[in-house]
């Protein structure tokens, strides 16, 4: 993200897909997710979500020109 909009724009469709896949889409999915998995699975899930949130923050900071409605 820190390379700027010129570089990120080329990779943006893949990045958006990754961000979409890391978070549950529906509240029902979240409820199902809560009942599954062990501690390791939860650690991997939470680290993936934390990484996605950091990437989103970096995207907003460095590539705000690519934001649209």
PDB file of N, CA and C in Angstrom:
ATOM      1  N   UNK A   1       0.812  -1.192   0.000  1.00  0.00           N
ATOM      2  CA  UNK A   1       0.000   0.000   0.000  1.00  0.00           C
ATOM      3  C   UNK A   1       0.856   1.256   0.000  1.00  0.00           C
ATOM      4  N   UNK A   2       2.019   1.177   0.619  1.00  0.00           N
ATOM      5  CA  UNK A   2       2.854   2.366   0.714  1.00  0.00           C
ATOM      6  C   UNK A   2       3.532   2.726  -0.604  1.00  0.00           C
ATOM      7  N   UNK A   3       3.437   1.857  -1.594  1.00  0.00           N
ATOM      8  CA  UNK A   3       4.016   2.171  -2.904  1.00  0.00           C
ATOM      9  C   UNK A   3       3.163   3.161  -3.681  1.00  0.00           C
ATOM     10  N   UNK A   4       1.938   3.350  -3.227  1.00  0.00           N
ATOM     11  CA  UNK A   4       1.085   4.363  -3.824  1.00  0.00           C
ATOM     12  C   UNK A   4       0.041   3.826  -4.779  1.00  0.00           C
ATOM     13  N   UNK A   5      -0.865   4.699  -5.194  1.00  0.00           N
ATOM     14  CA  UNK A   5      -1.998   4.309  -6.020  1.00  0.00           C
ATOM     15  C   UNK A   5      -1.622   3.702  -7.369  1.00  0.00           C
ATOM     16  N   UNK A   6      -0.514   4.153  -7.967  1.00  0.00           N
ATOM     17  CA  UNK A   6      -0.130   3.642  -9.281  1.00  0.00           C
ATOM     18  C   UNK A   6       0.145   2.136  -9.238  1.00  0.00           C
ATOM     19  N   UNK A   7       0.748   1.662  -8.158  1.00  0.00           N
ATOM     20  CA  UNK A   7       1.051   0.238  -8.009  1.00  0.00           C
ATOM     21  C   UNK A   7      -0.162  -0.521  -7.488  1.00  0.00           C
ATOM     22  N   UNK A   8      -0.822   0.030  -6.511  1.00  0.00           N
ATOM     23  CA  UNK A   8      -1.945  -0.655  -5.858  1.00  0.00           C
ATOM     24  C   UNK A   8      -3.115  -0.838  -6.813  1.00  0.00           C
ATOM     25  N   UNK A   9      -3.339   0.098  -7.692  1.00  0.00           N
ATOM     26  CA  UNK A   9      -4.483   0.035  -8.607  1.00  0.00           C
ATOM     27  C   UNK A   9      -4.457  -1.258  -9.423  1.00  0.00           C
ATOM     28  N   UNK A  10      -3.284  -1.690  -9.819  1.00  0.00           N
ATOM     29  CA  UNK A  10      -3.157  -2.924 -10.600  1.00  0.00           C
ATOM     30  C   UNK A  10      -3.580  -4.158  -9.795  1.00  0.00           C
ATOM     31  N   UNK A  11      -3.325  -4.143  -8.508  1.00  0.00           N
ATOM     32  CA  UNK A  11      -3.601  -5.296  -7.647  1.00  0.00           C
ATOM     33  C   UNK A  11      -4.908  -5.169  -6.862  1.00  0.00           C
ATOM     34  N   UNK A  12      -5.594  -4.076  -7.002  1.00  0.00           N
ATOM     35  CA  UNK A  12      -6.771  -3.789  -6.179  1.00  0.00           C
ATOM     36  C   UNK A  12      -7.869  -4.851  -6.273  1.00  0.00           C
ATOM     37  N   UNK A  13      -8.220  -5.379  -7.453  1.00  0.00           N
ATOM     38  CA  UNK A  13      -9.274  -6.413  -7.481  1.00  0.00           C
ATOM     39  C   UNK A  13      -8.949  -7.634  -6.619  1.00  0.00           C
ATOM     40  N   UNK A  14      -7.705  -8.070  -6.628  1.00  0.00           N
ATOM     41  CA  UNK A  14      -7.314  -9.229  -5.814  1.00  0.00           C
ATOM     42  C   UNK A  14      -7.327  -8.883  -4.325  1.00  0.00           C
ATOM     43  N   UNK A  15      -6.881  -7.686  -4.006  1.00  0.00           N
ATOM     44  CA  UNK A  15      -6.858  -7.253  -2.609  1.00  0.00           C
ATOM     45  C   UNK A  15      -8.278  -7.148  -2.058  1.00  0.00           C
ATOM     46  N   UNK A  16      -9.181  -6.578  -2.842  1.00  0.00           N
ATOM     47  CA  UNK A  16     -10.570  -6.467  -2.399  1.00  0.00           C
ATOM     48  C   UNK A  16     -11.194  -7.844  -2.177  1.00  0.00           C
ATOM     49  N   UNK A  17     -10.868  -8.796  -3.037  1.00  0.00           N
ATOM     50  CA  UNK A  17     -11.379 -10.158  -2.868  1.00  0.00           C
ATOM     51  C   UNK A  17     -10.843 -10.785  -1.583  1.00  0.00           C
ATOM     52  N   UNK A  18      -9.570 -10.563  -1.301  1.00  0.00           N
ATOM     53  CA  UNK A  18      -9.000 -11.080  -0.053  1.00  0.00           C
ATOM     54  C   UNK A  18      -9.678 -10.469   1.166  1.00  0.00           C
ATOM     55  N   UNK A  19      -9.908  -9.159   1.126  1.00  0.00           N
ATOM     56  CA  UNK A  19     -10.580  -8.500   2.248  1.00  0.00           C
ATOM     57  C   UNK A  19     -11.993  -9.026   2.407  1.00  0.00           C
ATOM     58  N   UNK A  20     -12.666  -9.278   1.308  1.00  0.00           N
ATOM     59  CA  UNK A  20     -14.044  -9.773   1.367  1.00  0.00           C
ATOM     60  C   UNK A  20     -14.095 -11.179   1.964  1.00  0.00           C
ATOM     61  N   UNK A  21     -13.113 -12.000   1.643  1.00  0.00           N
ATOM     62  CA  UNK A  21     -13.115 -13.393   2.103  1.00  0.00           C
ATOM     63  C   UNK A  21     -12.743 -13.555   3.574  1.00  0.00           C
ATOM     64  N   UNK A  22     -12.039 -12.599   4.143  1.00  0.00           N
ATOM     65  CA  UNK A  22     -11.549 -12.768   5.509  1.00  0.00           C
ATOM     66  C   UNK A  22     -12.625 -12.469   6.560  1.00  0.00           C
ATOM     67  N   UNK A  23     -13.646 -11.711   6.205  1.00  0.00           N
ATOM     68  CA  UNK A  23     -14.705 -11.367   7.153  1.00  0.00           C
ATOM     69  C   UNK A  23     -15.993 -12.107   6.811  1.00  0.00           C
ATOM     70  N   UNK A  24     -16.770 -12.535   7.819  1.00  0.00           N
ATOM     71  CA  UNK A  24     -18.048 -13.198   7.535  1.00  0.00           C
ATOM     72  C   UNK A  24     -19.024 -12.214   6.888  1.00  0.00           C
ATOM     73  N   UNK A  25     -19.795 -12.730   5.927  1.00  0.00           N
ATOM     74  CA  UNK A  25     -20.712 -11.877   5.170  1.00  0.00           C
ATOM     75  C   UNK A  25     -22.013 -11.651   5.934  1.00  0.00           C
ATOM     76  N   UNK A  26     -22.531 -12.705   6.534  1.00  0.00           N
ATOM     77  CA  UNK A  26     -23.820 -12.633   7.208  1.00  0.00           C
ATOM     78  C   UNK A  26     -23.658 -12.896   8.703  1.00  0.00           C
ATOM     79  N   UNK A  27     -24.537 -12.322   9.528  1.00  0.00           N
ATOM     80  CA  UNK A  27     -24.474 -12.594  10.971  1.00  0.00           C
ATOM     81  C   UNK A  27     -24.596 -14.086  11.286  1.00  0.00           C
ATOM     82  N   UNK A  28     -25.357 -14.807  10.479  1.00  0.00           N
ATOM     83  CA  UNK A  28     -25.505 -16.250  10.693  1.00  0.00           C
ATOM     84  C   UNK A  28     -24.154 -16.956  10.533  1.00  0.00           C
ATOM     85  N   UNK A  29     -23.338 -16.495   9.580  1.00  0.00           N
ATOM     86  CA  UNK A  29     -22.006 -17.070   9.392  1.00  0.00           C
ATOM     87  C   UNK A  29     -21.139 -16.852  10.616  1.00  0.00           C
ATOM     88  N   UNK A  30     -21.266 -15.710  11.231  1.00  0.00           N
ATOM     89  CA  UNK A  30     -20.507 -15.408  12.441  1.00  0.00           C
ATOM     90  C   UNK A  30     -20.922 -16.325  13.582  1.00  0.00           C
ATOM     91  N   UNK A  31     -22.215 -16.555  13.725  1.00  0.00           N
ATOM     92  CA  UNK A  31     -22.704 -17.451  14.782  1.00  0.00           C
ATOM     93  C   UNK A  31     -22.196 -18.872  14.566  1.00  0.00           C
ATOM     94  N   UNK A  32     -22.217 -19.330  13.326  1.00  0.00           N
ATOM     95  CA  UNK A  32     -21.712 -20.671  13.006  1.00  0.00           C
ATOM     96  C   UNK A  32     -20.225 -20.755  13.300  1.00  0.00           C
ATOM     97  N   UNK A  33     -19.511 -19.710  12.951  1.00  0.00           N
ATOM     98  CA  UNK A  33     -18.070 -19.661  13.167  1.00  0.00           C
ATOM     99  C   UNK A  33     -17.719 -19.737  14.649  1.00  0.00           C
ATOM    100  N   UNK A  34     -18.534 -19.136  15.481  1.00  0.00           N
ATOM    101  CA  UNK A  34     -18.268 -19.138  16.930  1.00  0.00           C
ATOM    102  C   UNK A  34     -18.295 -20.540  17.512  1.00  0.00           C
ATOM    103  N   UNK A  35     -19.115 -21.404  16.962  1.00  0.00           N
ATOM    104  CA  UNK A  35     -19.262 -22.744  17.525  1.00  0.00           C
ATOM    105  C   UNK A  35     -18.238 -23.740  16.983  1.00  0.00           C
ATOM    106  N   UNK A  36     -17.432 -23.309  16.007  1.00  0.00           N
ATOM    107  CA  UNK A  36     -16.470 -24.216  15.392  1.00  0.00           C
ATOM    108  C   UNK A  36     -15.037 -23.836  15.742  1.00  0.00           C
ATOM    109  N   UNK A  37     -14.156 -24.791  15.610  1.00  0.00           N
ATOM    110  CA  UNK A  37     -12.738 -24.518  15.718  1.00  0.00           C
ATOM    111  C   UNK A  37     -12.165 -24.609  17.111  1.00  0.00           C
ATOM    112  N   UNK A  38     -10.863 -24.767  17.134  1.00  0.00           N
ATOM    113  CA  UNK A  38     -10.132 -24.811  18.389  1.00  0.00           C
ATOM    114  C   UNK A  38      -9.335 -23.517  18.543  1.00  0.00           C
ATOM    115  N   UNK A  39      -8.479 -23.474  19.534  1.00  0.00           N
ATOM    116  CA  UNK A  39      -7.727 -22.243  19.810  1.00  0.00           C
ATOM    117  C   UNK A  39      -6.828 -21.853  18.640  1.00  0.00           C
ATOM    118  N   UNK A  40      -6.196 -22.828  18.001  1.00  0.00           N
ATOM    119  CA  UNK A  40      -5.323 -22.520  16.876  1.00  0.00           C
ATOM    120  C   UNK A  40      -6.108 -21.932  15.706  1.00  0.00           C
ATOM    121  N   UNK A  41      -7.264 -22.503  15.422  1.00  0.00           N
ATOM    122  CA  UNK A  41      -8.106 -21.995  14.337  1.00  0.00           C
ATOM    123  C   UNK A  41      -8.510 -20.560  14.614  1.00  0.00           C
ATOM    124  N   UNK A  42      -8.872 -20.265  15.849  1.00  0.00           N
ATOM    125  CA  UNK A  42      -9.263 -18.903  16.207  1.00  0.00           C
ATOM    126  C   UNK A  42      -8.080 -17.949  16.112  1.00  0.00           C
ATOM    127  N   UNK A  43      -6.900 -18.398  16.502  1.00  0.00           N
ATOM    128  CA  UNK A  43      -5.713 -17.558  16.407  1.00  0.00           C
ATOM    129  C   UNK A  43      -5.438 -17.193  14.948  1.00  0.00           C
ATOM    130  N   UNK A  44      -5.515 -18.167  14.059  1.00  0.00           N
ATOM    131  CA  UNK A  44      -5.284 -17.914  12.635  1.00  0.00           C
ATOM    132  C   UNK A  44      -6.350 -16.974  12.079  1.00  0.00           C
ATOM    133  N   UNK A  45      -7.597 -17.192  12.468  1.00  0.00           N
ATOM    134  CA  UNK A  45      -8.702 -16.348  11.996  1.00  0.00           C
ATOM    135  C   UNK A  45      -8.519 -14.900  12.450  1.00  0.00           C
ATOM    136  N   UNK A  46      -8.222 -14.715  13.715  1.00  0.00           N
ATOM    137  CA  UNK A  46      -8.065 -13.358  14.245  1.00  0.00           C
ATOM    138  C   UNK A  46      -6.838 -12.653  13.681  1.00  0.00           C
ATOM    139  N   UNK A  47      -5.761 -13.394  13.456  1.00  0.00           N
ATOM    140  CA  UNK A  47      -4.577 -12.777  12.849  1.00  0.00           C
ATOM    141  C   UNK A  47      -4.860 -12.362  11.408  1.00  0.00           C
ATOM    142  N   UNK A  48      -5.623 -13.168  10.685  1.00  0.00           N
ATOM    143  CA  UNK A  48      -6.004 -12.809   9.322  1.00  0.00           C
ATOM    144  C   UNK A  48      -6.854 -11.557   9.288  1.00  0.00           C
ATOM    145  N   UNK A  49      -7.787 -11.452  10.196  1.00  0.00           N
ATOM    146  CA  UNK A  49      -8.654 -10.271  10.252  1.00  0.00           C
ATOM    147  C   UNK A  49      -7.897  -9.033  10.697  1.00  0.00           C
ATOM    148  N   UNK A  50      -6.997  -9.194  11.654  1.00  0.00           N
ATOM    149  CA  UNK A  50      -6.190  -8.055  12.088  1.00  0.00           C
ATOM    150  C   UNK A  50      -5.302  -7.565  10.954  1.00  0.00           C
ATOM    151  N   UNK A  51      -4.736  -8.480  10.200  1.00  0.00           N
ATOM    152  CA  UNK A  51      -3.901  -8.102   9.059  1.00  0.00           C
ATOM    153  C   UNK A  51      -4.714  -7.376   8.000  1.00  0.00           C
ATOM    154  N   UNK A  52      -5.925  -7.857   7.750  1.00  0.00           N
ATOM    155  CA  UNK A  52      -6.788  -7.211   6.764  1.00  0.00           C
ATOM    156  C   UNK A  52      -7.147  -5.791   7.208  1.00  0.00           C
ATOM    157  N   UNK A  53      -7.442  -5.615   8.481  1.00  0.00           N
ATOM    158  CA  UNK A  53      -7.767  -4.278   8.986  1.00  0.00           C
ATOM    159  C   UNK A  53      -6.568  -3.335   8.868  1.00  0.00           C
ATOM    160  N   UNK A  54      -5.370  -3.837   9.129  1.00  0.00           N
ATOM    161  CA  UNK A  54      -4.169  -3.005   8.978  1.00  0.00           C
ATOM    162  C   UNK A  54      -3.951  -2.631   7.519  1.00  0.00           C
ATOM    163  N   UNK A  55      -4.197  -3.573   6.611  1.00  0.00           N
ATOM    164  CA  UNK A  55      -4.049  -3.285   5.187  1.00  0.00           C
ATOM    165  C   UNK A  55      -5.082  -2.257   4.735  1.00  0.00           C
ATOM    166  N   UNK A  56      -6.298  -2.345   5.256  1.00  0.00           N
ATOM    167  CA  UNK A  56      -7.343  -1.373   4.916  1.00  0.00           C
ATOM    168  C   UNK A  56      -6.944   0.015   5.420  1.00  0.00           C
ATOM    169  N   UNK A  57      -6.427   0.083   6.633  1.00  0.00           N
ATOM    170  CA  UNK A  57      -5.985   1.372   7.187  1.00  0.00           C
ATOM    171  C   UNK A  57      -4.862   1.962   6.340  1.00  0.00           C
ATOM    172  N   UNK A  58      -3.920   1.125   5.945  1.00  0.00           N
ATOM    173  CA  UNK A  58      -2.816   1.579   5.111  1.00  0.00           C
ATOM    174  C   UNK A  58      -3.318   2.032   3.743  1.00  0.00           C
ATOM    175  N   UNK A  59      -4.290   1.315   3.189  1.00  0.00           N
ATOM    176  CA  UNK A  59      -4.881   1.693   1.907  1.00  0.00           C
ATOM    177  C   UNK A  59      -5.511   3.083   1.998  1.00  0.00           C
ATOM    178  N   UNK A  60      -6.248   3.322   3.059  1.00  0.00           N
ATOM    179  CA  UNK A  60      -6.901   4.622   3.236  1.00  0.00           C
ATOM    180  C   UNK A  60      -5.862   5.724   3.416  1.00  0.00           C
ATOM    181  N   UNK A  61      -4.793   5.429   4.134  1.00  0.00           N
ATOM    182  CA  UNK A  61      -3.762   6.435   4.379  1.00  0.00           C
ATOM    183  C   UNK A  61      -2.955   6.785   3.131  1.00  0.00           C
ATOM    184  N   UNK A  62      -2.610   5.772   2.337  1.00  0.00           N
ATOM    185  CA  UNK A  62      -1.681   5.978   1.234  1.00  0.00           C
ATOM    186  C   UNK A  62      -2.326   6.026  -0.150  1.00  0.00           C
ATOM    187  N   UNK A  63      -3.537   5.499  -0.286  1.00  0.00           N
ATOM    188  CA  UNK A  63      -4.166   5.406  -1.607  1.00  0.00           C
ATOM    189  C   UNK A  63      -5.596   5.955  -1.591  1.00  0.00           C
ATOM    190  N   UNK A  64      -5.820   6.991  -0.835  1.00  0.00           N
ATOM    191  CA  UNK A  64      -7.181   7.510  -0.701  1.00  0.00           C
ATOM    192  C   UNK A  64      -7.750   7.992  -2.023  1.00  0.00           C
ATOM    193  N   UNK A  65      -6.896   8.276  -3.004  1.00  0.00           N
ATOM    194  CA  UNK A  65      -7.383   8.689  -4.322  1.00  0.00           C
ATOM    195  C   UNK A  65      -8.116   7.582  -5.055  1.00  0.00           C
ATOM    196  N   UNK A  66      -7.927   6.328  -4.654  1.00  0.00           N
ATOM    197  CA  UNK A  66      -8.605   5.203  -5.286  1.00  0.00           C
ATOM    198  C   UNK A  66      -9.969   4.901  -4.659  1.00  0.00           C
ATOM    199  N   UNK A  67     -10.304   5.575  -3.556  1.00  0.00           N
ATOM    200  CA  UNK A  67     -11.587   5.337  -2.896  1.00  0.00           C
ATOM    201  C   UNK A  67     -12.739   5.907  -3.734  1.00  0.00           C
ATOM    202  N   UNK A  68     -13.784   5.101  -3.834  1.00  0.00           N
ATOM    203  CA  UNK A  68     -14.998   5.549  -4.516  1.00  0.00           C
ATOM    204  C   UNK A  68     -16.204   5.188  -3.660  1.00  0.00           C
ATOM    205  N   UNK A  69     -17.353   5.677  -4.063  1.00  0.00           N
ATOM    206  CA  UNK A  69     -18.581   5.323  -3.339  1.00  0.00           C
ATOM    207  C   UNK A  69     -18.903   3.869  -3.605  1.00  0.00           C
TER     208      UNK A  69
END
